[in-house]
């Protein structure tokens, strides 16, 4: 009988790689995902939120003057931190 796993964040960089590893080792995997990250920005805009802080993305954008949107250039590709560069590359691979 195959082992089973439930993975949250199944479309993120870590989730995709974890799922591939588990499946390659014979696991039966179910993944939770959301169709887009825009859903958080849209929801806060509808509520009139003035400041939106999404803590999992600071490594992708670092400090930005003004509002961070999906079009804000990411800083990860130039980082000296391996995690930030790999996060950036994983997101590029996923988006395109």
C-alpha atoms as a PDB file:
ATOM      1  CA  UNK A   1       0.000   0.000   0.000  1.00  0.00           C
ATOM      2  CA  UNK A   2       1.393   3.406  -1.005  1.00  0.00           C
ATOM      3  CA  UNK A   3       2.098   6.040   1.602  1.00  0.00           C
ATOM      4  CA  UNK A   4      -0.096   9.117   1.298  1.00  0.00           C
ATOM      5  CA  UNK A   5       0.813  12.786   1.748  1.00  0.00           C
ATOM      6  CA  UNK A   6      -1.134  16.046   1.757  1.00  0.00           C
ATOM      7  CA  UNK A   7       1.028  19.009   0.660  1.00  0.00           C
ATOM      8  CA  UNK A   8      -0.034  22.624   1.119  1.00  0.00           C
ATOM      9  CA  UNK A   9       1.439  25.198  -1.240  1.00  0.00           C
ATOM     10  CA  UNK A  10       1.566  22.613  -4.004  1.00  0.00           C
ATOM     11  CA  UNK A  11       2.261  25.159  -6.757  1.00  0.00           C
ATOM     12  CA  UNK A  12       5.058  26.968  -4.932  1.00  0.00           C
ATOM     13  CA  UNK A  13       8.747  26.314  -5.466  1.00  0.00           C
ATOM     14  CA  UNK A  14       9.132  24.051  -2.455  1.00  0.00           C
ATOM     15  CA  UNK A  15       5.769  22.357  -2.968  1.00  0.00           C
ATOM     16  CA  UNK A  16       6.422  21.440  -6.603  1.00  0.00           C
ATOM     17  CA  UNK A  17       9.803  19.939  -5.792  1.00  0.00           C
ATOM     18  CA  UNK A  18       8.510  18.112  -2.721  1.00  0.00           C
ATOM     19  CA  UNK A  19       5.627  16.614  -4.699  1.00  0.00           C
ATOM     20  CA  UNK A  20       7.981  15.439  -7.466  1.00  0.00           C
ATOM     21  CA  UNK A  21      10.239  13.790  -4.882  1.00  0.00           C
ATOM     22  CA  UNK A  22       7.365  12.084  -3.078  1.00  0.00           C
ATOM     23  CA  UNK A  23       5.807  10.794  -6.313  1.00  0.00           C
ATOM     24  CA  UNK A  24       9.202   9.493  -7.508  1.00  0.00           C
ATOM     25  CA  UNK A  25       9.408   7.519  -4.251  1.00  0.00           C
ATOM     26  CA  UNK A  26       5.962   5.985  -4.737  1.00  0.00           C
ATOM     27  CA  UNK A  27       3.853   8.262  -2.536  1.00  0.00           C
ATOM     28  CA  UNK A  28       0.223   9.038  -3.348  1.00  0.00           C
ATOM     29  CA  UNK A  29       0.080  12.858  -3.118  1.00  0.00           C
ATOM     30  CA  UNK A  30      -2.801  15.313  -2.793  1.00  0.00           C
ATOM     31  CA  UNK A  31      -1.884  19.001  -3.022  1.00  0.00           C
ATOM     32  CA  UNK A  32      -3.640  22.151  -1.875  1.00  0.00           C
ATOM     33  CA  UNK A  33      -3.057  25.231  -3.991  1.00  0.00           C
ATOM     34  CA  UNK A  34      -4.617  28.524  -4.927  1.00  0.00           C
ATOM     35  CA  UNK A  35      -4.965  29.547  -8.576  1.00  0.00           C
ATOM     36  CA  UNK A  36      -3.090  32.833  -8.150  1.00  0.00           C
ATOM     37  CA  UNK A  37      -1.398  35.023  -5.572  1.00  0.00           C
ATOM     38  CA  UNK A  38      -3.415  37.978  -6.892  1.00  0.00           C
ATOM     39  CA  UNK A  39      -6.318  36.797  -4.758  1.00  0.00           C
ATOM     40  CA  UNK A  40      -4.718  38.312  -1.646  1.00  0.00           C
ATOM     41  CA  UNK A  41      -4.056  41.658  -3.324  1.00  0.00           C
ATOM     42  CA  UNK A  42      -7.579  41.761  -4.770  1.00  0.00           C
ATOM     43  CA  UNK A  43      -9.187  40.913  -1.421  1.00  0.00           C
ATOM     44  CA  UNK A  44      -7.290  43.611   0.461  1.00  0.00           C
ATOM     45  CA  UNK A  45      -8.017  46.206  -2.233  1.00  0.00           C
ATOM     46  CA  UNK A  46     -11.759  45.470  -2.000  1.00  0.00           C
ATOM     47  CA  UNK A  47     -11.619  46.011   1.768  1.00  0.00           C
ATOM     48  CA  UNK A  48      -9.796  49.337   1.369  1.00  0.00           C
ATOM     49  CA  UNK A  49      -6.647  48.114   3.115  1.00  0.00           C
ATOM     50  CA  UNK A  50      -3.925  50.764   2.988  1.00  0.00           C
ATOM     51  CA  UNK A  51      -0.963  48.526   3.803  1.00  0.00           C
ATOM     52  CA  UNK A  52      -0.601  44.931   2.678  1.00  0.00           C
ATOM     53  CA  UNK A  53       2.250  42.880   4.179  1.00  0.00           C
ATOM     54  CA  UNK A  54       2.889  39.465   2.672  1.00  0.00           C
ATOM     55  CA  UNK A  55       5.726  38.044   4.746  1.00  0.00           C
ATOM     56  CA  UNK A  56       6.664  35.141   2.509  1.00  0.00           C
ATOM     57  CA  UNK A  57       7.735  37.439  -0.320  1.00  0.00           C
ATOM     58  CA  UNK A  58      10.259  39.763   1.326  1.00  0.00           C
ATOM     59  CA  UNK A  59      13.086  37.650  -0.057  1.00  0.00           C
ATOM     60  CA  UNK A  60      11.700  38.128  -3.551  1.00  0.00           C
ATOM     61  CA  UNK A  61      11.219  41.886  -3.358  1.00  0.00           C
ATOM     62  CA  UNK A  62      13.169  43.183  -0.355  1.00  0.00           C
ATOM     63  CA  UNK A  63      12.395  46.778   0.618  1.00  0.00           C
ATOM     64  CA  UNK A  64      10.384  48.730  -1.921  1.00  0.00           C
ATOM     65  CA  UNK A  65       9.288  52.356  -1.750  1.00  0.00           C
ATOM     66  CA  UNK A  66       5.610  52.512  -2.551  1.00  0.00           C
ATOM     67  CA  UNK A  67       3.266  49.665  -3.375  1.00  0.00           C
ATOM     68  CA  UNK A  68       4.434  46.165  -4.311  1.00  0.00           C
ATOM     69  CA  UNK A  69       2.394  44.656  -7.144  1.00  0.00           C
ATOM     70  CA  UNK A  70       2.774  41.584  -9.332  1.00  0.00           C
ATOM     71  CA  UNK A  71       4.705  43.840 -11.749  1.00  0.00           C
ATOM     72  CA  UNK A  72       7.271  45.022  -9.167  1.00  0.00           C
ATOM     73  CA  UNK A  73      10.728  43.804 -10.267  1.00  0.00           C
ATOM     74  CA  UNK A  74      12.071  41.045  -8.058  1.00  0.00           C
ATOM     75  CA  UNK A  75      15.491  41.295  -6.442  1.00  0.00           C
ATOM     76  CA  UNK A  76      16.227  37.597  -5.939  1.00  0.00           C
ATOM     77  CA  UNK A  77      18.209  37.069  -9.130  1.00  0.00           C
ATOM     78  CA  UNK A  78      20.984  39.386  -7.898  1.00  0.00           C
ATOM     79  CA  UNK A  79      21.089  38.149  -4.307  1.00  0.00           C
ATOM     80  CA  UNK A  80      24.169  36.628  -2.700  1.00  0.00           C
ATOM     81  CA  UNK A  81      21.829  34.392  -0.686  1.00  0.00           C
ATOM     82  CA  UNK A  82      21.294  31.005  -2.368  1.00  0.00           C
ATOM     83  CA  UNK A  83      17.700  30.730  -1.107  1.00  0.00           C
ATOM     84  CA  UNK A  84      16.721  34.061  -2.681  1.00  0.00           C
ATOM     85  CA  UNK A  85      18.285  33.159  -6.028  1.00  0.00           C
ATOM     86  CA  UNK A  86      16.687  29.714  -6.087  1.00  0.00           C
ATOM     87  CA  UNK A  87      13.302  31.181  -5.094  1.00  0.00           C
ATOM     88  CA  UNK A  88      13.588  33.653  -7.963  1.00  0.00           C
ATOM     89  CA  UNK A  89      14.591  30.948 -10.472  1.00  0.00           C
ATOM     90  CA  UNK A  90      11.815  28.650  -9.303  1.00  0.00           C
ATOM     91  CA  UNK A  91       9.225  31.387  -9.706  1.00  0.00           C
ATOM     92  CA  UNK A  92      10.529  32.215 -13.194  1.00  0.00           C
ATOM     93  CA  UNK A  93      10.312  28.561 -14.172  1.00  0.00           C
ATOM     94  CA  UNK A  94       6.765  28.310 -12.820  1.00  0.00           C
ATOM     95  CA  UNK A  95       5.494  31.550 -14.400  1.00  0.00           C
ATOM     96  CA  UNK A  96       6.887  31.003 -17.869  1.00  0.00           C
END
